[in-house]
Amino acid sequence: MAALDLLGRRWTLRVIWELHRHPAPIGFRDLQRHCDAMSSSVLSTRLTELRESDIAEQTPDGAWRLTPLGADLVTAMGPLLNWSRVWAERRA
């Protein structure tokens, strides 16, 4: 339930997705821009939560990336992504 609580928070999945899309670490402002310019306070909070959950980590230069556990989470969400594509097609 704790994982679902974390993943259900606003913007959390988007942050994970954007970190996944950028294989190299990405800086805070670039990440914010890729997340439709969400507020810096919300992004900071989500990154802190993801860091505390060992899903994301900050590099020594301040950039952000997924941890191996975070990459495993993205892999685990693959079937849900596939299902959502089918669902979206049926709704169209």
PDB file of N, CA and C in Angstrom:
ATOM      1  N   MET A   1       0.818  -1.192   0.000  1.00  0.00           N
ATOM      2  CA  MET A   1       0.000   0.000   0.000  1.00  0.00           C
ATOM      3  C   MET A   1       0.866   1.263   0.000  1.00  0.00           C
ATOM      4  N   ALA A   2       2.032   1.186   0.634  1.00  0.00           N
ATOM      5  CA  ALA A   2       2.913   2.360   0.675  1.00  0.00           C
ATOM      6  C   ALA A   2       3.379   2.727  -0.724  1.00  0.00           C
ATOM      7  N   ALA A   3       3.675   1.726  -1.539  1.00  0.00           N
ATOM      8  CA  ALA A   3       4.114   2.005  -2.915  1.00  0.00           C
ATOM      9  C   ALA A   3       2.985   2.654  -3.714  1.00  0.00           C
ATOM     10  N   LEU A   4       1.781   2.140  -3.570  1.00  0.00           N
ATOM     11  CA  LEU A   4       0.643   2.727  -4.288  1.00  0.00           C
ATOM     12  C   LEU A   4       0.370   4.149  -3.811  1.00  0.00           C
ATOM     13  N   ASP A   5       0.548   4.393  -2.534  1.00  0.00           N
ATOM     14  CA  ASP A   5       0.384   5.744  -2.007  1.00  0.00           C
ATOM     15  C   ASP A   5       1.389   6.695  -2.651  1.00  0.00           C
ATOM     16  N   LEU A   6       2.631   6.275  -2.688  1.00  0.00           N
ATOM     17  CA  LEU A   6       3.672   7.120  -3.298  1.00  0.00           C
ATOM     18  C   LEU A   6       3.384   7.357  -4.773  1.00  0.00           C
ATOM     19  N   LEU A   7       3.103   6.302  -5.513  1.00  0.00           N
ATOM     20  CA  LEU A   7       2.896   6.421  -6.958  1.00  0.00           C
ATOM     21  C   LEU A   7       1.618   7.172  -7.303  1.00  0.00           C
ATOM     22  N   GLY A   8       0.661   7.195  -6.379  1.00  0.00           N
ATOM     23  CA  GLY A   8      -0.590   7.883  -6.624  1.00  0.00           C
ATOM     24  C   GLY A   8      -0.547   9.381  -6.366  1.00  0.00           C
ATOM     25  N   ARG A   9       0.546   9.867  -5.834  1.00  0.00           N
ATOM     26  CA  ARG A   9       0.650  11.303  -5.586  1.00  0.00           C
ATOM     27  C   ARG A   9       0.800  12.063  -6.901  1.00  0.00           C
ATOM     28  N   ARG A  10       0.195  13.228  -6.936  1.00  0.00           N
ATOM     29  CA  ARG A  10       0.203  14.043  -8.150  1.00  0.00           C
ATOM     30  C   ARG A  10       1.633  14.277  -8.625  1.00  0.00           C
ATOM     31  N   TRP A  11       1.852  14.062  -9.905  1.00  0.00           N
ATOM     32  CA  TRP A  11       3.112  14.280 -10.601  1.00  0.00           C
ATOM     33  C   TRP A  11       4.161  13.195 -10.384  1.00  0.00           C
ATOM     34  N   THR A  12       3.977  12.286  -9.448  1.00  0.00           N
ATOM     35  CA  THR A  12       5.019  11.306  -9.162  1.00  0.00           C
ATOM     36  C   THR A  12       5.339  10.452 -10.379  1.00  0.00           C
ATOM     37  N   LEU A  13       4.319   9.893 -11.014  1.00  0.00           N
ATOM     38  CA  LEU A  13       4.576   9.051 -12.182  1.00  0.00           C
ATOM     39  C   LEU A  13       5.195   9.846 -13.321  1.00  0.00           C
ATOM     40  N   ARG A  14       4.805  11.083 -13.474  1.00  0.00           N
ATOM     41  CA  ARG A  14       5.387  11.914 -14.535  1.00  0.00           C
ATOM     42  C   ARG A  14       6.875  12.128 -14.286  1.00  0.00           C
ATOM     43  N   VAL A  15       7.247  12.387 -13.054  1.00  0.00           N
ATOM     44  CA  VAL A  15       8.661  12.589 -12.719  1.00  0.00           C
ATOM     45  C   VAL A  15       9.443  11.312 -13.009  1.00  0.00           C
ATOM     46  N   ILE A  16       8.901  10.170 -12.592  1.00  0.00           N
ATOM     47  CA  ILE A  16       9.567   8.894 -12.864  1.00  0.00           C
ATOM     48  C   ILE A  16       9.706   8.686 -14.365  1.00  0.00           C
ATOM     49  N   TRP A  17       8.647   8.959 -15.117  1.00  0.00           N
ATOM     50  CA  TRP A  17       8.667   8.783 -16.568  1.00  0.00           C
ATOM     51  C   TRP A  17       9.733   9.665 -17.211  1.00  0.00           C
ATOM     52  N   GLU A  18       9.805  10.907 -16.807  1.00  0.00           N
ATOM     53  CA  GLU A  18      10.796  11.814 -17.393  1.00  0.00           C
ATOM     54  C   GLU A  18      12.220  11.408 -17.026  1.00  0.00           C
ATOM     55  N   LEU A  19      12.431  10.943 -15.810  1.00  0.00           N
ATOM     56  CA  LEU A  19      13.758  10.451 -15.443  1.00  0.00           C
ATOM     57  C   LEU A  19      14.113   9.221 -16.279  1.00  0.00           C
ATOM     58  N   HIS A  20      13.129   8.394 -16.545  1.00  0.00           N
ATOM     59  CA  HIS A  20      13.332   7.201 -17.369  1.00  0.00           C
ATOM     60  C   HIS A  20      13.676   7.582 -18.818  1.00  0.00           C
ATOM     61  N   ARG A  21      13.017   8.597 -19.323  1.00  0.00           N
ATOM     62  CA  ARG A  21      13.228   9.019 -20.714  1.00  0.00           C
ATOM     63  C   ARG A  21      14.607   9.628 -20.941  1.00  0.00           C
ATOM     64  N   HIS A  22      15.264  10.041 -19.901  1.00  0.00           N
ATOM     65  CA  HIS A  22      16.582  10.666 -20.010  1.00  0.00           C
ATOM     66  C   HIS A  22      17.613   9.738 -19.371  1.00  0.00           C
ATOM     67  N   PRO A  23      18.297   8.958 -20.185  1.00  0.00           N
ATOM     68  CA  PRO A  23      19.242   7.982 -19.610  1.00  0.00           C
ATOM     69  C   PRO A  23      20.399   8.640 -18.855  1.00  0.00           C
ATOM     70  N   ALA A  24      20.755   9.846 -19.243  1.00  0.00           N
ATOM     71  CA  ALA A  24      21.791  10.572 -18.494  1.00  0.00           C
ATOM     72  C   ALA A  24      21.100  11.380 -17.397  1.00  0.00           C
ATOM     73  N   PRO A  25      21.793  11.627 -16.297  1.00  0.00           N
ATOM     74  CA  PRO A  25      21.193  12.459 -15.247  1.00  0.00           C
ATOM     75  C   PRO A  25      20.727  13.808 -15.802  1.00  0.00           C
ATOM     76  N   ILE A  26      19.644  14.306 -15.251  1.00  0.00           N
ATOM     77  CA  ILE A  26      19.039  15.551 -15.732  1.00  0.00           C
ATOM     78  C   ILE A  26      18.948  16.540 -14.575  1.00  0.00           C
ATOM     79  N   GLY A  27      19.241  17.780 -14.861  1.00  0.00           N
ATOM     80  CA  GLY A  27      19.187  18.825 -13.854  1.00  0.00           C
ATOM     81  C   GLY A  27      17.758  19.185 -13.474  1.00  0.00           C
ATOM     82  N   PHE A  28      17.628  19.824 -12.335  1.00  0.00           N
ATOM     83  CA  PHE A  28      16.318  20.182 -11.790  1.00  0.00           C
ATOM     84  C   PHE A  28      15.512  21.030 -12.769  1.00  0.00           C
ATOM     85  N   ARG A  29      16.094  22.090 -13.313  1.00  0.00           N
ATOM     86  CA  ARG A  29      15.352  22.997 -14.204  1.00  0.00           C
ATOM     87  C   ARG A  29      14.958  22.306 -15.508  1.00  0.00           C
ATOM     88  N   ASP A  30      15.848  21.479 -16.044  1.00  0.00           N
ATOM     89  CA  ASP A  30      15.494  20.730 -17.255  1.00  0.00           C
ATOM     90  C   ASP A  30      14.365  19.751 -16.970  1.00  0.00           C
ATOM     91  N   LEU A  31      14.444  19.077 -15.831  1.00  0.00           N
ATOM     92  CA  LEU A  31      13.380  18.155 -15.455  1.00  0.00           C
ATOM     93  C   LEU A  31      12.066  18.899 -15.280  1.00  0.00           C
ATOM     94  N   GLN A  32      12.116  20.046 -14.659  1.00  0.00           N
ATOM     95  CA  GLN A  32      10.918  20.859 -14.464  1.00  0.00           C
ATOM     96  C   GLN A  32      10.305  21.244 -15.809  1.00  0.00           C
ATOM     97  N   ARG A  33      11.144  21.618 -16.755  1.00  0.00           N
ATOM     98  CA  ARG A  33      10.655  21.995 -18.084  1.00  0.00           C
ATOM     99  C   ARG A  33       9.994  20.805 -18.778  1.00  0.00           C
ATOM    100  N   HIS A  34      10.564  19.620 -18.630  1.00  0.00           N
ATOM    101  CA  HIS A  34       9.988  18.427 -19.252  1.00  0.00           C
ATOM    102  C   HIS A  34       8.700  17.993 -18.571  1.00  0.00           C
ATOM    103  N   CYS A  35       8.477  18.449 -17.373  1.00  0.00           N
ATOM    104  CA  CYS A  35       7.251  18.132 -16.627  1.00  0.00           C
ATOM    105  C   CYS A  35       6.236  19.265 -16.741  1.00  0.00           C
ATOM    106  N   ASP A  36       6.187  19.873 -17.896  1.00  0.00           N
ATOM    107  CA  ASP A  36       5.222  20.952 -18.155  1.00  0.00           C
ATOM    108  C   ASP A  36       5.333  22.079 -17.147  1.00  0.00           C
ATOM    109  N   ALA A  37       6.563  22.365 -16.734  1.00  0.00           N
ATOM    110  CA  ALA A  37       6.839  23.479 -15.830  1.00  0.00           C
ATOM    111  C   ALA A  37       6.038  23.406 -14.526  1.00  0.00           C
ATOM    112  N   MET A  38       5.955  22.223 -13.947  1.00  0.00           N
ATOM    113  CA  MET A  38       5.298  22.114 -12.635  1.00  0.00           C
ATOM    114  C   MET A  38       6.032  23.012 -11.651  1.00  0.00           C
ATOM    115  N   SER A  39       5.397  23.362 -10.591  1.00  0.00           N
ATOM    116  CA  SER A  39       6.019  24.278  -9.650  1.00  0.00           C
ATOM    117  C   SER A  39       7.284  23.654  -9.057  1.00  0.00           C
ATOM    118  N   SER A  40       8.232  24.500  -8.767  1.00  0.00           N
ATOM    119  CA  SER A  40       9.495  24.003  -8.219  1.00  0.00           C
ATOM    120  C   SER A  40       9.294  23.364  -6.847  1.00  0.00           C
ATOM    121  N   SER A  41       8.342  23.862  -6.074  1.00  0.00           N
ATOM    122  CA  SER A  41       8.122  23.273  -4.742  1.00  0.00           C
ATOM    123  C   SER A  41       7.558  21.862  -4.855  1.00  0.00           C
ATOM    124  N   VAL A  42       6.640  21.643  -5.789  1.00  0.00           N
ATOM    125  CA  VAL A  42       6.080  20.307  -5.972  1.00  0.00           C
ATOM    126  C   VAL A  42       7.156  19.359  -6.497  1.00  0.00           C
ATOM    127  N   LEU A  43       7.935  19.804  -7.477  1.00  0.00           N
ATOM    128  CA  LEU A  43       8.993  18.954  -8.011  1.00  0.00           C
ATOM    129  C   LEU A  43      10.011  18.612  -6.928  1.00  0.00           C
ATOM    130  N   SER A  44      10.381  19.584  -6.150  1.00  0.00           N
ATOM    131  CA  SER A  44      11.332  19.342  -5.068  1.00  0.00           C
ATOM    132  C   SER A  44      10.789  18.317  -4.076  1.00  0.00           C
ATOM    133  N   THR A  45       9.523  18.444  -3.735  1.00  0.00           N
ATOM    134  CA  THR A  45       8.894  17.495  -2.810  1.00  0.00           C
ATOM    135  C   THR A  45       8.878  16.094  -3.406  1.00  0.00           C
ATOM    136  N   ARG A  46       8.469  15.971  -4.669  1.00  0.00           N
ATOM    137  CA  ARG A  46       8.408  14.651  -5.305  1.00  0.00           C
ATOM    138  C   ARG A  46       9.791  14.026  -5.402  1.00  0.00           C
ATOM    139  N   LEU A  47      10.791  14.805  -5.765  1.00  0.00           N
ATOM    140  CA  LEU A  47      12.148  14.267  -5.854  1.00  0.00           C
ATOM    141  C   LEU A  47      12.652  13.812  -4.489  1.00  0.00           C
ATOM    142  N   THR A  48      12.342  14.561  -3.460  1.00  0.00           N
ATOM    143  CA  THR A  48      12.725  14.158  -2.108  1.00  0.00           C
ATOM    144  C   THR A  48      12.058  12.837  -1.741  1.00  0.00           C
ATOM    145  N   GLU A  49      10.773  12.723  -2.030  1.00  0.00           N
ATOM    146  CA  GLU A  49      10.058  11.480  -1.733  1.00  0.00           C
ATOM    147  C   GLU A  49      10.642  10.303  -2.511  1.00  0.00           C
ATOM    148  N   LEU A  50      10.960  10.532  -3.779  1.00  0.00           N
ATOM    149  CA  LEU A  50      11.536   9.465  -4.602  1.00  0.00           C
ATOM    150  C   LEU A  50      12.934   9.096  -4.124  1.00  0.00           C
ATOM    151  N   ARG A  51      13.698  10.086  -3.679  1.00  0.00           N
ATOM    152  CA  ARG A  51      15.027   9.803  -3.140  1.00  0.00           C
ATOM    153  C   ARG A  51      14.910   8.998  -1.843  1.00  0.00           C
ATOM    154  N   GLU A  52      14.026   9.400  -0.972  1.00  0.00           N
ATOM    155  CA  GLU A  52      13.831   8.693   0.298  1.00  0.00           C
ATOM    156  C   GLU A  52      13.310   7.271   0.086  1.00  0.00           C
ATOM    157  N   SER A  53      12.662   7.031  -1.051  1.00  0.00           N
ATOM    158  CA  SER A  53      12.128   5.710  -1.379  1.00  0.00           C
ATOM    159  C   SER A  53      13.103   4.890  -2.211  1.00  0.00           C
ATOM    160  N   ASP A  54      14.295   5.413  -2.472  1.00  0.00           N
ATOM    161  CA  ASP A  54      15.337   4.752  -3.258  1.00  0.00           C
ATOM    162  C   ASP A  54      14.911   4.500  -4.701  1.00  0.00           C
ATOM    163  N   ILE A  55      14.075   5.378  -5.238  1.00  0.00           N
ATOM    164  CA  ILE A  55      13.652   5.277  -6.630  1.00  0.00           C
ATOM    165  C   ILE A  55      14.459   6.232  -7.497  1.00  0.00           C
ATOM    166  N   ALA A  56      14.836   7.372  -6.955  1.00  0.00           N
ATOM    167  CA  ALA A  56      15.662   8.356  -7.665  1.00  0.00           C
ATOM    168  C   ALA A  56      16.828   8.742  -6.770  1.00  0.00           C
ATOM    169  N   GLU A  57      17.875   9.235  -7.414  1.00  0.00           N
ATOM    170  CA  GLU A  57      19.034   9.699  -6.658  1.00  0.00           C
ATOM    171  C   GLU A  57      19.608  10.941  -7.315  1.00  0.00           C
ATOM    172  N   GLN A  58      20.299  11.700  -6.509  1.00  0.00           N
ATOM    173  CA  GLN A  58      20.933  12.918  -6.976  1.00  0.00           C
ATOM    174  C   GLN A  58      22.425  12.645  -7.137  1.00  0.00           C
ATOM    175  N   THR A  59      22.960  13.045  -8.272  1.00  0.00           N
ATOM    176  CA  THR A  59      24.380  12.852  -8.536  1.00  0.00           C
ATOM    177  C   THR A  59      25.183  13.922  -7.795  1.00  0.00           C
ATOM    178  N   PRO A  60      26.483  13.746  -7.685  1.00  0.00           N
ATOM    179  CA  PRO A  60      27.294  14.751  -6.988  1.00  0.00           C
ATOM    180  C   PRO A  60      27.181  16.157  -7.580  1.00  0.00           C
ATOM    181  N   ASP A  61      26.867  16.246  -8.877  1.00  0.00           N
ATOM    182  CA  ASP A  61      26.731  17.570  -9.489  1.00  0.00           C
ATOM    183  C   ASP A  61      25.310  18.126  -9.387  1.00  0.00           C
ATOM    184  N   GLY A  62      24.424  17.422  -8.681  1.00  0.00           N
ATOM    185  CA  GLY A  62      23.078  17.933  -8.437  1.00  0.00           C
ATOM    186  C   GLY A  62      22.022  17.466  -9.415  1.00  0.00           C
ATOM    187  N   ALA A  63      22.406  16.701 -10.424  1.00  0.00           N
ATOM    188  CA  ALA A  63      21.432  16.196 -11.395  1.00  0.00           C
ATOM    189  C   ALA A  63      20.698  14.989 -10.796  1.00  0.00           C
ATOM    190  N   TRP A  64      19.637  14.567 -11.475  1.00  0.00           N
ATOM    191  CA  TRP A  64      18.792  13.490 -10.985  1.00  0.00           C
ATOM    192  C   TRP A  64      18.750  12.342 -11.978  1.00  0.00           C
ATOM    193  N   ARG A  65      18.610  11.118 -11.443  1.00  0.00           N
ATOM    194  CA  ARG A  65      18.466   9.920 -12.270  1.00  0.00           C
ATOM    195  C   ARG A  65      17.729   8.862 -11.459  1.00  0.00           C
ATOM    196  N   LEU A  66      17.225   7.856 -12.166  1.00  0.00           N
ATOM    197  CA  LEU A  66      16.618   6.728 -11.483  1.00  0.00           C
ATOM    198  C   LEU A  66      17.702   5.851 -10.879  1.00  0.00           C
ATOM    199  N   THR A  67      17.401   5.243  -9.769  1.00  0.00           N
ATOM    200  CA  THR A  67      18.273   4.229  -9.195  1.00  0.00           C
ATOM    201  C   THR A  67      17.985   2.909  -9.923  1.00  0.00           C
ATOM    202  N   PRO A  68      18.782   1.881  -9.690  1.00  0.00           N
ATOM    203  CA  PRO A  68      18.431   0.574 -10.264  1.00  0.00           C
ATOM    204  C   PRO A  68      17.031   0.114  -9.825  1.00  0.00           C
ATOM    205  N   LEU A  69      16.656   0.399  -8.585  1.00  0.00           N
ATOM    206  CA  LEU A  69      15.313   0.052  -8.125  1.00  0.00           C
ATOM    207  C   LEU A  69      14.251   0.843  -8.892  1.00  0.00           C
ATOM    208  N   GLY A  70      14.544   2.114  -9.177  1.00  0.00           N
ATOM    209  CA  GLY A  70      13.626   2.927  -9.973  1.00  0.00           C
ATOM    210  C   GLY A  70      13.488   2.401 -11.392  1.00  0.00           C
ATOM    211  N   ALA A  71      14.593   1.962 -11.984  1.00  0.00           N
ATOM    212  CA  ALA A  71      14.544   1.367 -13.324  1.00  0.00           C
ATOM    213  C   ALA A  71      13.723   0.080 -13.301  1.00  0.00           C
ATOM    214  N   ASP A  72      13.863  -0.697 -12.226  1.00  0.00           N
ATOM    215  CA  ASP A  72      13.046  -1.913 -12.080  1.00  0.00           C
ATOM    216  C   ASP A  72      11.565  -1.570 -11.988  1.00  0.00           C
ATOM    217  N   LEU A  73      11.244  -0.473 -11.328  1.00  0.00           N
ATOM    218  CA  LEU A  73       9.846  -0.027 -11.233  1.00  0.00           C
ATOM    219  C   LEU A  73       9.290   0.273 -12.613  1.00  0.00           C
ATOM    220  N   VAL A  74      10.052   0.975 -13.433  1.00  0.00           N
ATOM    221  CA  VAL A  74       9.598   1.292 -14.794  1.00  0.00           C
ATOM    222  C   VAL A  74       9.363   0.002 -15.574  1.00  0.00           C
ATOM    223  N   THR A  75      10.268  -0.952 -15.439  1.00  0.00           N
ATOM    224  CA  THR A  75      10.092  -2.242 -16.109  1.00  0.00           C
ATOM    225  C   THR A  75       8.825  -2.936 -15.627  1.00  0.00           C
ATOM    226  N   ALA A  76       8.597  -2.903 -14.327  1.00  0.00           N
ATOM    227  CA  ALA A  76       7.410  -3.541 -13.752  1.00  0.00           C
ATOM    228  C   ALA A  76       6.124  -2.875 -14.233  1.00  0.00           C
ATOM    229  N   MET A  77       6.188  -1.595 -14.563  1.00  0.00           N
ATOM    230  CA  MET A  77       5.008  -0.870 -15.035  1.00  0.00           C
ATOM    231  C   MET A  77       4.749  -1.105 -16.519  1.00  0.00           C
ATOM    232  N   GLY A  78       5.645  -1.804 -17.210  1.00  0.00           N
ATOM    233  CA  GLY A  78       5.486  -2.076 -18.643  1.00  0.00           C
ATOM    234  C   GLY A  78       4.148  -2.696 -19.004  1.00  0.00           C
ATOM    235  N   PRO A  79       3.720  -3.760 -18.322  1.00  0.00           N
ATOM    236  CA  PRO A  79       2.413  -4.331 -18.657  1.00  0.00           C
ATOM    237  C   PRO A  79       1.263  -3.342 -18.477  1.00  0.00           C
ATOM    238  N   LEU A  80       1.344  -2.474 -17.489  1.00  0.00           N
ATOM    239  CA  LEU A  80       0.310  -1.462 -17.307  1.00  0.00           C
ATOM    240  C   LEU A  80       0.306  -0.473 -18.473  1.00  0.00           C
ATOM    241  N   LEU A  81       1.487  -0.108 -18.952  1.00  0.00           N
ATOM    242  CA  LEU A  81       1.580   0.767 -20.118  1.00  0.00           C
ATOM    243  C   LEU A  81       0.942   0.104 -21.335  1.00  0.00           C
ATOM    244  N   ASN A  82       1.237  -1.170 -21.540  1.00  0.00           N
ATOM    245  CA  ASN A  82       0.634  -1.896 -22.670  1.00  0.00           C
ATOM    246  C   ASN A  82      -0.882  -1.943 -22.532  1.00  0.00           C
ATOM    247  N   TRP A  83      -1.365  -2.228 -21.342  1.00  0.00           N
ATOM    248  CA  TRP A  83      -2.801  -2.266 -21.116  1.00  0.00           C
ATOM    249  C   TRP A  83      -3.426  -0.902 -21.389  1.00  0.00           C
ATOM    250  N   SER A  84      -2.754   0.159 -20.952  1.00  0.00           N
ATOM    251  CA  SER A  84      -3.323   1.499 -21.120  1.00  0.00           C
ATOM    252  C   SER A  84      -3.424   1.883 -22.589  1.00  0.00           C
ATOM    253  N   ARG A  85      -2.510   1.391 -23.412  1.00  0.00           N
ATOM    254  CA  ARG A  85      -2.598   1.664 -24.862  1.00  0.00           C
ATOM    255  C   ARG A  85      -3.840   1.014 -25.455  1.00  0.00           C
ATOM    256  N   VAL A  86      -4.093  -0.235 -25.084  1.00  0.00           N
ATOM    257  CA  VAL A  86      -5.294  -0.927 -25.561  1.00  0.00           C
ATOM    258  C   VAL A  86      -6.537  -0.212 -25.064  1.00  0.00           C
ATOM    259  N   TRP A  87      -6.538   0.162 -23.809  1.00  0.00           N
ATOM    260  CA  TRP A  87      -7.680   0.870 -23.220  1.00  0.00           C
ATOM    261  C   TRP A  87      -7.947   2.178 -23.955  1.00  0.00           C
ATOM    262  N   ALA A  88      -6.874   2.926 -24.242  1.00  0.00           N
ATOM    263  CA  ALA A  88      -7.026   4.212 -24.938  1.00  0.00           C
ATOM    264  C   ALA A  88      -7.592   4.007 -26.347  1.00  0.00           C
ATOM    265  N   GLU A  89      -7.137   2.959 -27.037  1.00  0.00           N
ATOM    266  CA  GLU A  89      -7.655   2.692 -28.386  1.00  0.00           C
ATOM    267  C   GLU A  89      -9.134   2.358 -28.343  1.00  0.00           C
ATOM    268  N   ARG A  90      -9.554   1.617 -27.363  1.00  0.00           N
ATOM    269  CA  ARG A  90     -10.979   1.232 -27.257  1.00  0.00           C
ATOM    270  C   ARG A  90     -11.844   2.426 -26.901  1.00  0.00           C
ATOM    271  N   ARG A  91     -11.290   3.375 -26.222  1.00  0.00           N
ATOM    272  CA  ARG A  91     -12.058   4.562 -25.829  1.00  0.00           C
ATOM    273  C   ARG A  91     -12.148   5.577 -26.962  1.00  0.00           C
ATOM    274  N   ALA A  92     -11.260   5.474 -27.928  1.00  0.00           N
ATOM    275  CA  ALA A  92     -11.208   6.465 -29.023  1.00  0.00           C
ATOM    276  C   ALA A  92     -12.342   6.275 -30.005  1.00  0.00           C
TER     277      ALA A  92
END
